[in-house]
Structures are given as C-alpha cells and as structure tokens.
Amino acid sequence: MKTDNAHDDDEMRPEYRREDLGTGVRGKHYQAYMESNNLVLLRPEVAEAFPTEEAVNEALLSLIRIAKASTRPTSGSA
C-alpha cells in the first residue's frame, strides 16, 4: 500500500532553510578519503578462491615473501 508522504520528494523539510546550511565545497574530503581507503576489485574467479579479506591478504603476503626470497641480489661490480 502506497501512502502519500510529503517527504518522498527531493525537497527539503520546511524547518530547514538552504541559507542555514552554508556553502558546499565539492571534493572537500576527497584527498583524505583516497589516502585512507584502498579498494581493489577482484575478478569473480579470484574472489571465489578467497572467501574473506584476510584470506586475500595472507595469500598476497605469502607471495611477497616468496618473491623476496627468490630474488637474487645484483652485484654492483662487474
């Protein structure tokens, strides 16, 4: 059952006035957000293999350890 509700539209409530809200600043928190959030999208087949965030992190950390251990240091003298 649908009811008539005056607040369903995009208008502000009468007790709020636009001038009381101040001026908006576009992108004010964008840089802080980008620095604190790191979202990585996985392919569906990869996501199936790792059921949790922790499982993904552990697998990647293991891969990093293996890569570092198998890398031979280069000598500066030839």
N, C-alpha and C. Protein backbone atom coordinates (compact mmCIF):
# COMPACT_ATOMS: atom_id res chain seq x y z
N MET A 1 0.84 -1.17 0.00
CA MET A 1 0.00 0.00 0.00
C MET A 1 0.88 1.23 0.00
N LYS A 2 0.65 2.11 -0.94
CA LYS A 2 1.43 3.33 -1.05
C LYS A 2 0.71 4.46 -0.31
N THR A 3 1.46 5.19 0.49
CA THR A 3 0.87 6.30 1.22
C THR A 3 1.40 7.60 0.67
N ASP A 4 0.63 8.63 0.79
CA ASP A 4 1.08 9.96 0.39
C ASP A 4 1.97 10.50 1.48
N ASN A 5 3.20 10.76 1.14
CA ASN A 5 4.15 11.29 2.11
C ASN A 5 4.82 12.51 1.48
N ALA A 6 4.68 13.64 2.14
CA ALA A 6 5.23 14.88 1.61
C ALA A 6 6.75 14.85 1.56
N HIS A 7 7.38 13.94 2.29
CA HIS A 7 8.84 13.90 2.35
C HIS A 7 9.44 12.95 1.32
N ASP A 8 8.62 12.35 0.47
CA ASP A 8 9.12 11.43 -0.54
C ASP A 8 9.82 12.15 -1.68
N ASP A 9 9.52 13.41 -1.89
CA ASP A 9 10.15 14.12 -2.99
C ASP A 9 11.53 14.63 -2.56
N ASP A 10 12.21 15.28 -3.45
CA ASP A 10 13.57 15.73 -3.18
C ASP A 10 13.64 17.09 -2.50
N GLU A 11 12.56 17.59 -2.03
CA GLU A 11 12.54 18.90 -1.39
C GLU A 11 12.96 18.78 0.07
N MET A 12 13.56 19.84 0.57
CA MET A 12 13.96 19.85 1.98
C MET A 12 12.73 20.08 2.85
N ARG A 13 12.83 19.65 4.08
CA ARG A 13 11.75 19.89 5.02
C ARG A 13 11.60 21.39 5.27
N PRO A 14 10.42 21.82 5.61
CA PRO A 14 10.19 23.26 5.80
C PRO A 14 11.02 23.88 6.93
N GLU A 15 11.39 23.08 7.93
CA GLU A 15 12.16 23.64 9.05
C GLU A 15 13.62 23.93 8.68
N TYR A 16 14.06 23.42 7.54
CA TYR A 16 15.43 23.68 7.09
C TYR A 16 15.40 24.76 6.01
N ARG A 17 16.34 25.66 6.10
CA ARG A 17 16.46 26.68 5.06
C ARG A 17 17.82 26.51 4.41
N ARG A 18 17.90 26.63 3.13
CA ARG A 18 19.14 26.44 2.39
C ARG A 18 20.23 27.38 2.89
N GLU A 19 19.90 28.59 3.20
CA GLU A 19 20.90 29.56 3.64
C GLU A 19 21.50 29.21 5.01
N ASP A 20 20.81 28.39 5.80
CA ASP A 20 21.34 27.96 7.09
C ASP A 20 22.42 26.88 6.94
N LEU A 21 22.47 26.24 5.79
CA LEU A 21 23.41 25.15 5.59
C LEU A 21 24.80 25.61 5.18
N GLY A 22 24.95 26.83 4.79
CA GLY A 22 26.26 27.34 4.37
C GLY A 22 26.55 26.93 2.93
N THR A 23 27.77 27.23 2.53
CA THR A 23 28.15 26.89 1.16
C THR A 23 28.82 25.53 1.13
N GLY A 24 28.51 24.76 0.15
CA GLY A 24 29.11 23.45 0.00
C GLY A 24 30.43 23.55 -0.76
N VAL A 25 31.35 22.67 -0.44
CA VAL A 25 32.64 22.63 -1.12
C VAL A 25 32.76 21.26 -1.77
N ARG A 26 32.79 21.24 -3.08
CA ARG A 26 32.88 19.98 -3.80
C ARG A 26 34.26 19.36 -3.61
N GLY A 27 34.29 18.08 -3.23
CA GLY A 27 35.54 17.37 -3.08
C GLY A 27 36.32 17.72 -1.82
N LYS A 28 35.67 18.28 -0.85
CA LYS A 28 36.34 18.74 0.37
C LYS A 28 37.09 17.63 1.08
N HIS A 29 36.55 16.44 1.12
CA HIS A 29 37.16 15.32 1.83
C HIS A 29 37.74 14.27 0.90
N TYR A 30 37.82 14.56 -0.38
CA TYR A 30 38.26 13.58 -1.38
C TYR A 30 39.66 13.06 -1.11
N GLN A 31 40.62 13.95 -0.90
CA GLN A 31 42.01 13.53 -0.72
C GLN A 31 42.17 12.66 0.52
N ALA A 32 41.56 13.04 1.63
CA ALA A 32 41.64 12.25 2.86
C ALA A 32 41.00 10.88 2.65
N TYR A 33 39.91 10.83 1.93
CA TYR A 33 39.25 9.56 1.64
C TYR A 33 40.15 8.66 0.81
N MET A 34 40.76 9.22 -0.22
CA MET A 34 41.62 8.43 -1.09
C MET A 34 42.84 7.90 -0.34
N GLU A 35 43.34 8.66 0.61
CA GLU A 35 44.51 8.22 1.38
C GLU A 35 44.16 7.13 2.39
N SER A 36 42.93 7.12 2.86
CA SER A 36 42.56 6.17 3.91
C SER A 36 41.83 4.93 3.38
N ASN A 37 41.48 4.91 2.12
CA ASN A 37 40.75 3.77 1.57
C ASN A 37 41.48 3.22 0.35
N ASN A 38 41.59 1.92 0.30
CA ASN A 38 42.23 1.26 -0.82
C ASN A 38 41.32 0.13 -1.27
N LEU A 39 40.53 0.40 -2.25
CA LEU A 39 39.57 -0.57 -2.76
C LEU A 39 40.16 -1.26 -3.98
N VAL A 40 40.17 -2.57 -3.95
CA VAL A 40 40.68 -3.35 -5.07
C VAL A 40 39.57 -4.30 -5.51
N LEU A 41 39.26 -4.28 -6.78
CA LEU A 41 38.23 -5.16 -7.31
C LEU A 41 38.87 -6.43 -7.85
N LEU A 42 38.36 -7.56 -7.42
CA LEU A 42 38.88 -8.86 -7.85
C LEU A 42 38.02 -9.42 -8.96
N ARG A 43 38.64 -10.18 -9.85
CA ARG A 43 37.86 -10.91 -10.84
C ARG A 43 37.01 -11.94 -10.11
N PRO A 44 35.85 -12.28 -10.63
CA PRO A 44 34.98 -13.23 -9.94
C PRO A 44 35.65 -14.55 -9.61
N GLU A 45 36.48 -15.08 -10.51
CA GLU A 45 37.13 -16.36 -10.26
C GLU A 45 38.17 -16.25 -9.14
N VAL A 46 38.78 -15.09 -8.99
CA VAL A 46 39.72 -14.88 -7.89
C VAL A 46 38.95 -14.75 -6.58
N ALA A 47 37.86 -14.02 -6.60
CA ALA A 47 37.05 -13.83 -5.38
C ALA A 47 36.50 -15.16 -4.88
N GLU A 48 36.20 -16.09 -5.76
CA GLU A 48 35.71 -17.41 -5.34
C GLU A 48 36.77 -18.18 -4.57
N ALA A 49 38.03 -17.98 -4.93
CA ALA A 49 39.12 -18.71 -4.28
C ALA A 49 39.45 -18.18 -2.90
N PHE A 50 39.10 -16.94 -2.63
CA PHE A 50 39.41 -16.30 -1.35
C PHE A 50 38.13 -15.77 -0.73
N PRO A 51 37.58 -16.50 0.23
CA PRO A 51 36.28 -16.14 0.79
C PRO A 51 36.27 -14.91 1.69
N THR A 52 37.45 -14.53 2.21
CA THR A 52 37.48 -13.39 3.13
C THR A 52 38.60 -12.43 2.76
N GLU A 53 38.52 -11.24 3.28
CA GLU A 53 39.56 -10.23 3.10
C GLU A 53 40.89 -10.73 3.67
N GLU A 54 40.81 -11.38 4.82
CA GLU A 54 42.02 -11.90 5.46
C GLU A 54 42.68 -12.97 4.59
N ALA A 55 41.90 -13.81 3.94
CA ALA A 55 42.46 -14.84 3.07
C ALA A 55 43.22 -14.22 1.90
N VAL A 56 42.68 -13.17 1.33
CA VAL A 56 43.35 -12.48 0.23
C VAL A 56 44.66 -11.88 0.73
N ASN A 57 44.63 -11.20 1.87
CA ASN A 57 45.83 -10.57 2.41
C ASN A 57 46.91 -11.60 2.73
N GLU A 58 46.53 -12.71 3.33
CA GLU A 58 47.52 -13.74 3.66
C GLU A 58 48.15 -14.32 2.40
N ALA A 59 47.36 -14.56 1.37
CA ALA A 59 47.89 -15.10 0.11
C ALA A 59 48.86 -14.11 -0.53
N LEU A 60 48.51 -12.84 -0.54
CA LEU A 60 49.39 -11.84 -1.14
C LEU A 60 50.66 -11.66 -0.33
N LEU A 61 50.56 -11.69 0.99
CA LEU A 61 51.76 -11.58 1.83
C LEU A 61 52.68 -12.77 1.61
N SER A 62 52.13 -13.96 1.47
CA SER A 62 52.94 -15.14 1.18
C SER A 62 53.64 -14.99 -0.16
N LEU A 63 52.94 -14.49 -1.15
CA LEU A 63 53.54 -14.29 -2.46
C LEU A 63 54.68 -13.26 -2.39
N ILE A 64 54.50 -12.22 -1.62
CA ILE A 64 55.55 -11.21 -1.46
C ILE A 64 56.78 -11.82 -0.81
N ARG A 65 56.58 -12.65 0.23
CA ARG A 65 57.71 -13.30 0.90
C ARG A 65 58.46 -14.23 -0.05
N ILE A 66 57.72 -14.99 -0.84
CA ILE A 66 58.34 -15.90 -1.80
C ILE A 66 59.13 -15.12 -2.84
N ALA A 67 58.54 -14.04 -3.34
CA ALA A 67 59.22 -13.23 -4.36
C ALA A 67 60.50 -12.62 -3.81
N LYS A 68 60.46 -12.12 -2.59
CA LYS A 68 61.65 -11.52 -1.98
C LYS A 68 62.72 -12.58 -1.73
N ALA A 69 62.33 -13.75 -1.30
CA ALA A 69 63.28 -14.83 -1.01
C ALA A 69 63.93 -15.37 -2.29
N SER A 70 63.23 -15.35 -3.40
CA SER A 70 63.75 -15.92 -4.63
C SER A 70 64.50 -14.91 -5.49
N THR A 71 64.48 -13.66 -5.11
CA THR A 71 65.17 -12.63 -5.85
C THR A 71 66.64 -12.62 -5.47
N ARG A 72 67.50 -12.74 -6.46
CA ARG A 72 68.94 -12.71 -6.20
C ARG A 72 69.42 -11.27 -6.18
N PRO A 73 70.22 -10.93 -5.21
CA PRO A 73 70.75 -9.55 -5.20
C PRO A 73 71.73 -9.36 -6.37
N THR A 74 71.66 -8.21 -6.96
CA THR A 74 72.57 -7.91 -8.06
C THR A 74 73.84 -7.31 -7.49
N SER A 75 74.97 -7.68 -8.07
CA SER A 75 76.24 -7.13 -7.59
C SER A 75 76.54 -5.82 -8.32
N GLY A 76 77.14 -4.91 -7.61
CA GLY A 76 77.48 -3.62 -8.19
C GLY A 76 78.75 -3.67 -9.02
N SER A 77 79.57 -4.70 -8.83
CA SER A 77 80.81 -4.80 -9.60
C SER A 77 80.66 -5.83 -10.70
N ALA A 78 81.18 -5.52 -11.88
CA ALA A 78 81.09 -6.45 -13.00
C ALA A 78 82.44 -6.85 -13.47
